[in-house]
Amino acid sequence: MELDDAARRHGFGKMGSGSWSRWGARRCKHYRRRCRIRAPCCNDVFHCRHCHNESTKDGHELDRHAVESVICLVCDTEQPVAQVCYNCGVCMGEYFCSACKFFDDDVDREHFHCQDCGICRVGGKDNFFHCEKCGSCYSVSLRDKHCCIENSMKNNCPICYEYLFDSLRETSVLRCGHTMHLQCFHEMLKHDKFSCPICSMPIFDMDKFLRALDAEIEANMLHIDYMGKGWIVCNDCRDTTQVYARVAGHKCCHCQSHNTCRVAAPVLPA
């Protein structure tokens, strides 16, 4: 019976969404856990680091690795960081990472700690690999199939400007190697934007579209004698060339791409 009692204490209050307590504590919208953390930076108590970061008026963020004490939501005992409360025996999180001081009862999220990233991630360790150059974990489906950009994930999303490296939202890697939130990517497509907002390279294979555009231009272009010339820069190959000026459809003479924009004539060295 003692073993059964210990097991019941261990699992008491599980999946309470960070809200189970005798005092009806405010829900944590980020994780399900049975403890709160004391932030060493401001000495206040929060359900998780995201709750801390969203509530601070001066914008300072909590260093997850610096947390030293937690408060059990069942017995309200403050104690050094550990998975099991030393006072009442409740497990404060079925998943526990001593490095990140991270607790979560929702083990279906398949948490794992990446030593190279230095933080915990979700989705199952076998489904991800760490890219040394990009500086982050990517899906195994992208292994040897993505364009590497140094520390590409350690930047803000170019659409919503949220820091990507430890964002809770799913990210997408574009063909050019730049990254953004998947939700932001879909919003961009809804507004008929089909190029990377950072480097302007196309996010899809545009061959069919370009062939159709070539045919349209060929059928409707003015006589060449009546067309002046202008300079363009190609967003694909970065070459600058001089072409016949049109309203649209300026084609790069180097790589045959229409992903171009008009620019002033280049200034040649004296």
C-alpha atoms as a PDB file:
ATOM      1  CA  MET A   1       0.000   0.000   0.000  1.00  0.00           C
ATOM      2  CA  GLU A   2       2.867   2.366   0.679  1.00  0.00           C
ATOM      3  CA  LEU A   3       4.058   1.924  -2.911  1.00  0.00           C
ATOM      4  CA  ASP A   4       0.543   2.666  -4.202  1.00  0.00           C
ATOM      5  CA  ASP A   5       0.350   5.799  -2.046  1.00  0.00           C
ATOM      6  CA  ALA A   6       3.722   6.962  -3.335  1.00  0.00           C
ATOM      7  CA  ALA A   7       2.604   6.364  -6.931  1.00  0.00           C
ATOM      8  CA  ARG A   8      -0.604   8.337  -6.365  1.00  0.00           C
ATOM      9  CA  ARG A   9       1.336  11.233  -4.848  1.00  0.00           C
ATOM     10  CA  HIS A  10       3.785  11.112  -7.763  1.00  0.00           C
ATOM     11  CA  GLY A  11       1.022  11.503 -10.358  1.00  0.00           C
ATOM     12  CA  PHE A  12      -1.304  13.794  -8.402  1.00  0.00           C
ATOM     13  CA  GLY A  13      -2.560  16.799 -10.402  1.00  0.00           C
ATOM     14  CA  LYS A  14      -1.012  15.661 -13.713  1.00  0.00           C
ATOM     15  CA  MET A  15      -2.020  17.515 -16.909  1.00  0.00           C
ATOM     16  CA  GLY A  16      -3.382  20.430 -14.929  1.00  0.00           C
ATOM     17  CA  SER A  17      -2.143  22.945 -17.531  1.00  0.00           C
ATOM     18  CA  GLY A  18      -0.046  24.680 -14.888  1.00  0.00           C
ATOM     19  CA  SER A  19      -3.175  25.707 -13.025  1.00  0.00           C
ATOM     20  CA  TRP A  20      -3.753  23.101 -10.285  1.00  0.00           C
ATOM     21  CA  SER A  21      -3.337  24.538  -6.836  1.00  0.00           C
ATOM     22  CA  ARG A  22      -5.360  25.060  -3.716  1.00  0.00           C
ATOM     23  CA  TRP A  23      -5.444  28.780  -4.478  1.00  0.00           C
ATOM     24  CA  GLY A  24      -6.718  28.523  -8.080  1.00  0.00           C
ATOM     25  CA  ALA A  25      -3.526  29.849  -9.644  1.00  0.00           C
ATOM     26  CA  ARG A  26      -3.737  31.477 -13.075  1.00  0.00           C
ATOM     27  CA  ARG A  27      -3.398  29.048 -15.964  1.00  0.00           C
ATOM     28  CA  CYS A  28      -0.176  28.767 -17.910  1.00  0.00           C
ATOM     29  CA  LYS A  29      -1.020  28.814 -21.608  1.00  0.00           C
ATOM     30  CA  HIS A  30       2.354  27.408 -22.612  1.00  0.00           C
ATOM     31  CA  TYR A  31       2.929  24.176 -20.657  1.00  0.00           C
ATOM     32  CA  ARG A  32       1.213  21.637 -18.395  1.00  0.00           C
ATOM     33  CA  ARG A  33       3.261  21.335 -15.216  1.00  0.00           C
ATOM     34  CA  ARG A  34       2.888  21.171 -11.458  1.00  0.00           C
ATOM     35  CA  CYS A  35       5.269  23.872 -10.388  1.00  0.00           C
ATOM     36  CA  ARG A  36       6.119  27.505 -10.861  1.00  0.00           C
ATOM     37  CA  ILE A  37       9.582  29.005 -11.151  1.00  0.00           C
ATOM     38  CA  ARG A  38      11.252  31.875  -9.373  1.00  0.00           C
ATOM     39  CA  ALA A  39      12.972  34.187 -11.821  1.00  0.00           C
ATOM     40  CA  PRO A  40      16.477  35.037 -10.538  1.00  0.00           C
ATOM     41  CA  CYS A  41      16.543  38.231 -12.599  1.00  0.00           C
ATOM     42  CA  CYS A  42      13.622  39.911 -10.813  1.00  0.00           C
ATOM     43  CA  ASN A  43      12.899  37.457  -7.966  1.00  0.00           C
ATOM     44  CA  ASP A  44       9.243  37.153  -9.008  1.00  0.00           C
ATOM     45  CA  VAL A  45       7.341  33.864  -9.435  1.00  0.00           C
ATOM     46  CA  PHE A  46       5.960  32.733 -12.808  1.00  0.00           C
ATOM     47  CA  HIS A  47       4.556  29.563 -14.313  1.00  0.00           C
ATOM     48  CA  CYS A  48       7.263  29.450 -16.998  1.00  0.00           C
ATOM     49  CA  ARG A  49       9.859  31.630 -18.694  1.00  0.00           C
ATOM     50  CA  HIS A  50       7.406  32.617 -21.449  1.00  0.00           C
ATOM     51  CA  CYS A  51       4.938  33.890 -18.849  1.00  0.00           C
ATOM     52  CA  HIS A  52       7.831  35.907 -17.400  1.00  0.00           C
ATOM     53  CA  ASN A  53       8.912  37.330 -20.758  1.00  0.00           C
ATOM     54  CA  GLU A  54       5.361  38.318 -21.704  1.00  0.00           C
ATOM     55  CA  SER A  55       4.760  40.148 -18.437  1.00  0.00           C
ATOM     56  CA  THR A  56       7.932  42.191 -18.016  1.00  0.00           C
ATOM     57  CA  LYS A  57       7.507  45.891 -18.732  1.00  0.00           C
ATOM     58  CA  ASP A  58      11.164  46.573 -19.451  1.00  0.00           C
ATOM     59  CA  GLY A  59      11.465  43.717 -21.984  1.00  0.00           C
ATOM     60  CA  HIS A  60      14.137  41.730 -20.142  1.00  0.00           C
ATOM     61  CA  GLU A  61      14.049  37.953 -20.697  1.00  0.00           C
ATOM     62  CA  LEU A  62      14.585  35.073 -18.319  1.00  0.00           C
ATOM     63  CA  ASP A  63      17.673  32.912 -18.746  1.00  0.00           C
ATOM     64  CA  ARG A  64      16.225  29.422 -18.440  1.00  0.00           C
ATOM     65  CA  HIS A  65      19.547  27.965 -17.286  1.00  0.00           C
ATOM     66  CA  ALA A  66      19.793  30.427 -14.380  1.00  0.00           C
ATOM     67  CA  VAL A  67      16.631  29.258 -12.561  1.00  0.00           C
ATOM     68  CA  GLU A  68      17.560  27.852  -9.141  1.00  0.00           C
ATOM     69  CA  SER A  69      14.261  27.346  -7.304  1.00  0.00           C
ATOM     70  CA  VAL A  70      10.724  26.161  -8.049  1.00  0.00           C
ATOM     71  CA  ILE A  71       7.453  26.231  -6.101  1.00  0.00           C
ATOM     72  CA  CYS A  72       5.312  23.078  -6.015  1.00  0.00           C
ATOM     73  CA  LEU A  73       1.733  23.843  -7.082  1.00  0.00           C
ATOM     74  CA  VAL A  74       0.356  21.081  -4.850  1.00  0.00           C
ATOM     75  CA  CYS A  75       1.907  21.944  -1.480  1.00  0.00           C
ATOM     76  CA  ASP A  76       3.304  25.429  -2.284  1.00  0.00           C
ATOM     77  CA  THR A  77       6.794  24.446  -1.094  1.00  0.00           C
ATOM     78  CA  GLU A  78       9.686  26.398  -2.576  1.00  0.00           C
ATOM     79  CA  GLN A  79      12.761  24.264  -3.155  1.00  0.00           C
ATOM     80  CA  PRO A  80      15.839  23.786  -5.359  1.00  0.00           C
ATOM     81  CA  VAL A  81      15.100  22.650  -8.924  1.00  0.00           C
ATOM     82  CA  ALA A  82      14.224  18.934  -9.033  1.00  0.00           C
ATOM     83  CA  GLN A  83      11.672  16.745 -10.791  1.00  0.00           C
ATOM     84  CA  VAL A  84       9.956  15.517  -7.602  1.00  0.00           C
ATOM     85  CA  CYS A  85       8.786  17.722  -4.742  1.00  0.00           C
ATOM     86  CA  TYR A  86      10.732  16.747  -1.625  1.00  0.00           C
ATOM     87  CA  ASN A  87       7.810  17.765   0.604  1.00  0.00           C
ATOM     88  CA  CYS A  88       4.746  16.039  -0.899  1.00  0.00           C
ATOM     89  CA  GLY A  89       6.331  13.650  -3.416  1.00  0.00           C
ATOM     90  CA  VAL A  90       4.414  14.927  -6.439  1.00  0.00           C
ATOM     91  CA  CYS A  91       6.168  14.808  -9.816  1.00  0.00           C
ATOM     92  CA  MET A  92       6.307  18.410 -11.018  1.00  0.00           C
ATOM     93  CA  GLY A  93       6.720  17.392 -14.650  1.00  0.00           C
ATOM     94  CA  GLU A  94       6.771  13.989 -16.386  1.00  0.00           C
ATOM     95  CA  TYR A  95       9.423  15.433 -18.690  1.00  0.00           C
ATOM     96  CA  PHE A  96      12.200  17.185 -16.799  1.00  0.00           C
ATOM     97  CA  CYS A  97      15.450  18.681 -18.056  1.00  0.00           C
ATOM     98  CA  SER A  98      17.933  19.646 -15.370  1.00  0.00           C
ATOM     99  CA  ALA A  99      19.947  21.750 -17.840  1.00  0.00           C
ATOM    100  CA  CYS A 100      17.034  23.896 -19.056  1.00  0.00           C
ATOM    101  CA  LYS A 101      15.155  23.725 -15.712  1.00  0.00           C
ATOM    102  CA  PHE A 102      12.189  22.701 -17.852  1.00  0.00           C
ATOM    103  CA  PHE A 103       9.065  20.772 -16.741  1.00  0.00           C
ATOM    104  CA  ASP A 104       6.167  19.482 -18.863  1.00  0.00           C
ATOM    105  CA  ASP A 105       3.506  16.846 -18.224  1.00  0.00           C
ATOM    106  CA  ASP A 106       2.560  16.600 -21.904  1.00  0.00           C
ATOM    107  CA  VAL A 107       5.028  13.853 -22.877  1.00  0.00           C
ATOM    108  CA  ASP A 108       3.210  13.300 -26.191  1.00  0.00           C
ATOM    109  CA  ARG A 109       5.143  16.316 -27.440  1.00  0.00           C
ATOM    110  CA  GLU A 110       8.251  14.065 -27.435  1.00  0.00           C
ATOM    111  CA  HIS A 111      10.691  16.484 -25.834  1.00  0.00           C
ATOM    112  CA  PHE A 112      14.431  16.086 -26.208  1.00  0.00           C
ATOM    113  CA  HIS A 113      17.434  18.142 -25.175  1.00  0.00           C
ATOM    114  CA  CYS A 114      19.856  19.123 -27.944  1.00  0.00           C
ATOM    115  CA  GLN A 115      23.342  19.564 -26.551  1.00  0.00           C
ATOM    116  CA  ASP A 116      24.431  21.640 -29.565  1.00  0.00           C
ATOM    117  CA  CYS A 117      21.435  24.000 -29.403  1.00  0.00           C
ATOM    118  CA  GLY A 118      21.687  24.060 -25.604  1.00  0.00           C
ATOM    119  CA  ILE A 119      17.897  23.918 -25.207  1.00  0.00           C
ATOM    120  CA  CYS A 120      15.021  21.431 -25.224  1.00  0.00           C
ATOM    121  CA  ARG A 121      12.972  20.877 -28.355  1.00  0.00           C
ATOM    122  CA  VAL A 122       9.839  18.876 -29.205  1.00  0.00           C
ATOM    123  CA  GLY A 123       8.952  16.403 -31.927  1.00  0.00           C
ATOM    124  CA  GLY A 124      11.151  13.415 -31.118  1.00  0.00           C
ATOM    125  CA  LYS A 125      14.955  13.246 -31.198  1.00  0.00           C
ATOM    126  CA  ASP A 126      14.986  10.714 -34.060  1.00  0.00           C
ATOM    127  CA  ASN A 127      13.049  13.139 -36.276  1.00  0.00           C
ATOM    128  CA  PHE A 128      15.638  15.920 -36.112  1.00  0.00           C
ATOM    129  CA  PHE A 129      19.315  16.548 -36.744  1.00  0.00           C
ATOM    130  CA  HIS A 130      21.483  19.470 -35.711  1.00  0.00           C
ATOM    131  CA  CYS A 131      22.972  21.486 -38.576  1.00  0.00           C
ATOM    132  CA  GLU A 132      26.270  22.933 -37.379  1.00  0.00           C
ATOM    133  CA  LYS A 133      26.372  25.781 -39.903  1.00  0.00           C
ATOM    134  CA  CYS A 134      22.739  26.855 -39.530  1.00  0.00           C
ATOM    135  CA  GLY A 135      23.148  26.460 -35.751  1.00  0.00           C
ATOM    136  CA  SER A 136      19.833  24.730 -35.099  1.00  0.00           C
ATOM    137  CA  CYS A 137      17.867  21.477 -35.280  1.00  0.00           C
ATOM    138  CA  TYR A 138      16.081  20.722 -38.538  1.00  0.00           C
ATOM    139  CA  SER A 139      13.791  17.912 -39.672  1.00  0.00           C
ATOM    140  CA  VAL A 140      15.674  14.871 -40.969  1.00  0.00           C
ATOM    141  CA  SER A 141      13.829  15.412 -44.276  1.00  0.00           C
ATOM    142  CA  LEU A 142      16.105  18.451 -44.791  1.00  0.00           C
ATOM    143  CA  ARG A 143      19.374  16.595 -44.209  1.00  0.00           C
ATOM    144  CA  ASP A 144      21.644  17.350 -47.211  1.00  0.00           C
ATOM    145  CA  LYS A 145      18.607  18.977 -48.875  1.00  0.00           C
ATOM    146  CA  HIS A 146      18.685  22.534 -47.597  1.00  0.00           C
ATOM    147  CA  CYS A 147      20.821  25.564 -48.332  1.00  0.00           C
ATOM    148  CA  CYS A 148      22.931  26.353 -45.267  1.00  0.00           C
ATOM    149  CA  ILE A 149      23.177  29.910 -43.998  1.00  0.00           C
ATOM    150  CA  GLU A 150      25.317  30.499 -40.937  1.00  0.00           C
ATOM    151  CA  ASN A 151      23.146  30.870 -37.815  1.00  0.00           C
ATOM    152  CA  SER A 152      20.053  31.323 -39.991  1.00  0.00           C
ATOM    153  CA  MET A 153      17.728  30.397 -37.104  1.00  0.00           C
ATOM    154  CA  LYS A 154      19.329  32.876 -34.721  1.00  0.00           C
ATOM    155  CA  ASN A 155      17.450  35.750 -36.276  1.00  0.00           C
ATOM    156  CA  ASN A 156      13.984  37.265 -36.129  1.00  0.00           C
ATOM    157  CA  CYS A 157      11.209  36.060 -38.415  1.00  0.00           C
ATOM    158  CA  PRO A 158      11.182  38.538 -41.350  1.00  0.00           C
ATOM    159  CA  ILE A 159       7.371  38.773 -41.148  1.00  0.00           C
ATOM    160  CA  CYS A 160       6.465  39.008 -37.437  1.00  0.00           C
ATOM    161  CA  TYR A 161       9.995  39.735 -36.065  1.00  0.00           C
ATOM    162  CA  GLU A 162       9.787  37.118 -33.301  1.00  0.00           C
ATOM    163  CA  TYR A 163      13.129  35.466 -32.471  1.00  0.00           C
ATOM    164  CA  LEU A 164      13.130  32.102 -34.257  1.00  0.00           C
ATOM    165  CA  PHE A 165      15.725  30.024 -32.417  1.00  0.00           C
ATOM    166  CA  ASP A 166      13.607  29.225 -29.366  1.00  0.00           C
ATOM    167  CA  SER A 167      10.172  30.147 -30.690  1.00  0.00           C
ATOM    168  CA  LEU A 168       7.262  27.885 -29.737  1.00  0.00           C
ATOM    169  CA  ARG A 169       5.821  28.192 -33.253  1.00  0.00           C
ATOM    170  CA  GLU A 170       6.762  25.881 -36.136  1.00  0.00           C
ATOM    171  CA  THR A 171       9.297  27.253 -38.615  1.00  0.00           C
ATOM    172  CA  SER A 172       9.826  26.799 -42.340  1.00  0.00           C
ATOM    173  CA  VAL A 173      13.142  26.729 -44.229  1.00  0.00           C
ATOM    174  CA  LEU A 174      12.966  28.372 -47.642  1.00  0.00           C
ATOM    175  CA  ARG A 175      14.863  27.204 -50.743  1.00  0.00           C
ATOM    176  CA  CYS A 176      17.384  30.002 -50.239  1.00  0.00           C
ATOM    177  CA  GLY A 177      18.104  28.845 -46.670  1.00  0.00           C
ATOM    178  CA  HIS A 178      16.407  31.710 -44.839  1.00  0.00           C
ATOM    179  CA  THR A 179      13.798  30.815 -42.226  1.00  0.00           C
ATOM    180  CA  MET A 180      10.453  32.126 -41.020  1.00  0.00           C
ATOM    181  CA  HIS A 181       7.444  30.899 -39.093  1.00  0.00           C
ATOM    182  CA  LEU A 182       5.321  28.424 -41.051  1.00  0.00           C
ATOM    183  CA  GLN A 183       2.215  30.440 -40.208  1.00  0.00           C
ATOM    184  CA  CYS A 184       3.878  33.616 -41.489  1.00  0.00           C
ATOM    185  CA  PHE A 185       4.916  31.739 -44.644  1.00  0.00           C
ATOM    186  CA  HIS A 186       1.284  30.805 -45.349  1.00  0.00           C
ATOM    187  CA  GLU A 187       0.142  34.368 -44.683  1.00  0.00           C
ATOM    188  CA  MET A 188       2.727  35.625 -47.169  1.00  0.00           C
ATOM    189  CA  LEU A 189       1.372  33.265 -49.854  1.00  0.00           C
ATOM    190  CA  LYS A 190      -2.173  34.536 -49.244  1.00  0.00           C
ATOM    191  CA  HIS A 191      -0.920  37.974 -50.293  1.00  0.00           C
ATOM    192  CA  ASP A 192       0.652  36.594 -53.507  1.00  0.00           C
ATOM    193  CA  LYS A 193       4.218  37.038 -52.308  1.00  0.00           C
ATOM    194  CA  PHE A 194       6.356  34.259 -53.793  1.00  0.00           C
ATOM    195  CA  SER A 195       9.884  35.413 -52.995  1.00  0.00           C
ATOM    196  CA  CYS A 196      11.975  35.430 -49.855  1.00  0.00           C
ATOM    197  CA  PRO A 197      11.433  38.712 -47.962  1.00  0.00           C
ATOM    198  CA  ILE A 198      15.140  38.760 -47.085  1.00  0.00           C
ATOM    199  CA  CYS A 199      16.961  37.967 -50.343  1.00  0.00           C
ATOM    200  CA  SER A 200      14.073  38.053 -52.901  1.00  0.00           C
ATOM    201  CA  MET A 201      14.899  34.619 -54.283  1.00  0.00           C
ATOM    202  CA  PRO A 202      11.808  32.594 -55.392  1.00  0.00           C
ATOM    203  CA  ILE A 203      10.359  30.224 -52.803  1.00  0.00           C
ATOM    204  CA  PHE A 204       9.046  27.785 -55.452  1.00  0.00           C
ATOM    205  CA  ASP A 205      10.232  26.366 -58.763  1.00  0.00           C
ATOM    206  CA  MET A 206       9.031  29.075 -61.124  1.00  0.00           C
ATOM    207  CA  ASP A 207       9.987  27.423 -64.460  1.00  0.00           C
ATOM    208  CA  LYS A 208       6.391  26.917 -65.711  1.00  0.00           C
ATOM    209  CA  PHE A 209       5.448  30.460 -64.780  1.00  0.00           C
ATOM    210  CA  LEU A 210       8.541  31.898 -66.466  1.00  0.00           C
ATOM    211  CA  ARG A 211       7.932  29.962 -69.688  1.00  0.00           C
ATOM    212  CA  ALA A 212       4.375  31.284 -69.796  1.00  0.00           C
ATOM    213  CA  LEU A 213       5.651  34.818 -69.130  1.00  0.00           C
ATOM    214  CA  ASP A 214       8.205  34.481 -71.952  1.00  0.00           C
ATOM    215  CA  ALA A 215       5.435  33.463 -74.355  1.00  0.00           C
ATOM    216  CA  GLU A 216       3.250  36.382 -73.235  1.00  0.00           C
ATOM    217  CA  ILE A 217       6.078  38.890 -73.695  1.00  0.00           C
ATOM    218  CA  GLU A 218       7.025  37.458 -77.101  1.00  0.00           C
ATOM    219  CA  ALA A 219       3.442  37.748 -78.309  1.00  0.00           C
ATOM    220  CA  ASN A 220       2.860  41.286 -77.065  1.00  0.00           C
ATOM    221  CA  MET A 221       6.230  43.049 -77.032  1.00  0.00           C
ATOM    222  CA  LEU A 222       6.686  46.276 -78.976  1.00  0.00           C
ATOM    223  CA  HIS A 223       8.982  46.433 -81.960  1.00  0.00           C
ATOM    224  CA  ILE A 224      12.543  46.432 -80.696  1.00  0.00           C
ATOM    225  CA  ASP A 225      13.403  49.648 -82.547  1.00  0.00           C
ATOM    226  CA  TYR A 226      10.978  51.602 -80.353  1.00  0.00           C
ATOM    227  CA  MET A 227      12.269  50.306 -77.029  1.00  0.00           C
ATOM    228  CA  GLY A 228      14.920  52.008 -74.991  1.00  0.00           C
ATOM    229  CA  LYS A 229      17.368  50.188 -72.754  1.00  0.00           C
ATOM    230  CA  GLY A 230      17.683  50.053 -68.981  1.00  0.00           C
ATOM    231  CA  TRP A 231      19.636  48.293 -66.265  1.00  0.00           C
ATOM    232  CA  ILE A 232      18.347  45.460 -64.105  1.00  0.00           C
ATOM    233  CA  VAL A 233      19.728  43.399 -61.233  1.00  0.00           C
ATOM    234  CA  CYS A 234      18.791  39.726 -60.943  1.00  0.00           C
ATOM    235  CA  ASN A 235      17.638  38.516 -57.518  1.00  0.00           C
ATOM    236  CA  ASP A 236      18.627  34.943 -58.418  1.00  0.00           C
ATOM    237  CA  CYS A 237      22.190  35.247 -59.732  1.00  0.00           C
ATOM    238  CA  ARG A 238      22.879  38.833 -58.521  1.00  0.00           C
ATOM    239  CA  ASP A 239      24.175  39.824 -61.976  1.00  0.00           C
ATOM    240  CA  THR A 240      23.556  43.334 -63.306  1.00  0.00           C
ATOM    241  CA  THR A 241      22.771  43.581 -67.024  1.00  0.00           C
ATOM    242  CA  GLN A 242      21.352  46.004 -69.584  1.00  0.00           C
ATOM    243  CA  VAL A 243      18.106  44.985 -71.281  1.00  0.00           C
ATOM    244  CA  TYR A 244      15.378  46.493 -73.431  1.00  0.00           C
ATOM    245  CA  ALA A 245      12.995  48.386 -71.174  1.00  0.00           C
ATOM    246  CA  ARG A 246       9.456  47.070 -70.778  1.00  0.00           C
ATOM    247  CA  VAL A 247       6.600  47.662 -68.388  1.00  0.00           C
ATOM    248  CA  ALA A 248       7.235  44.193 -66.867  1.00  0.00           C
ATOM    249  CA  GLY A 249       9.060  40.951 -67.576  1.00  0.00           C
ATOM    250  CA  HIS A 250      12.683  42.090 -67.602  1.00  0.00           C
ATOM    251  CA  LYS A 251      14.731  38.959 -68.185  1.00  0.00           C
ATOM    252  CA  CYS A 252      18.247  38.409 -66.847  1.00  0.00           C
ATOM    253  CA  CYS A 253      20.650  37.834 -69.733  1.00  0.00           C
ATOM    254  CA  HIS A 254      22.856  35.674 -67.515  1.00  0.00           C
ATOM    255  CA  CYS A 255      20.504  33.087 -65.930  1.00  0.00           C
ATOM    256  CA  GLN A 256      17.289  33.786 -67.913  1.00  0.00           C
ATOM    257  CA  SER A 257      15.305  34.564 -64.751  1.00  0.00           C
ATOM    258  CA  HIS A 258      12.532  37.141 -64.594  1.00  0.00           C
ATOM    259  CA  ASN A 259      13.104  37.684 -60.863  1.00  0.00           C
ATOM    260  CA  THR A 260      14.688  41.075 -61.504  1.00  0.00           C
ATOM    261  CA  CYS A 261      14.275  44.718 -60.616  1.00  0.00           C
ATOM    262  CA  ARG A 262      15.255  47.876 -62.434  1.00  0.00           C
ATOM    263  CA  VAL A 263      18.214  49.840 -61.127  1.00  0.00           C
ATOM    264  CA  ALA A 264      20.295  52.813 -62.123  1.00  0.00           C
ATOM    265  CA  ALA A 265      23.219  52.315 -64.441  1.00  0.00           C
ATOM    266  CA  PRO A 266      26.298  50.966 -62.621  1.00  0.00           C
ATOM    267  CA  VAL A 267      29.043  53.446 -61.833  1.00  0.00           C
ATOM    268  CA  LEU A 268      32.230  52.248 -63.481  1.00  0.00           C
ATOM    269  CA  PRO A 269      35.615  52.917 -61.847  1.00  0.00           C
ATOM    270  CA  ALA A 270      37.526  55.847 -63.264  1.00  0.00           C
END
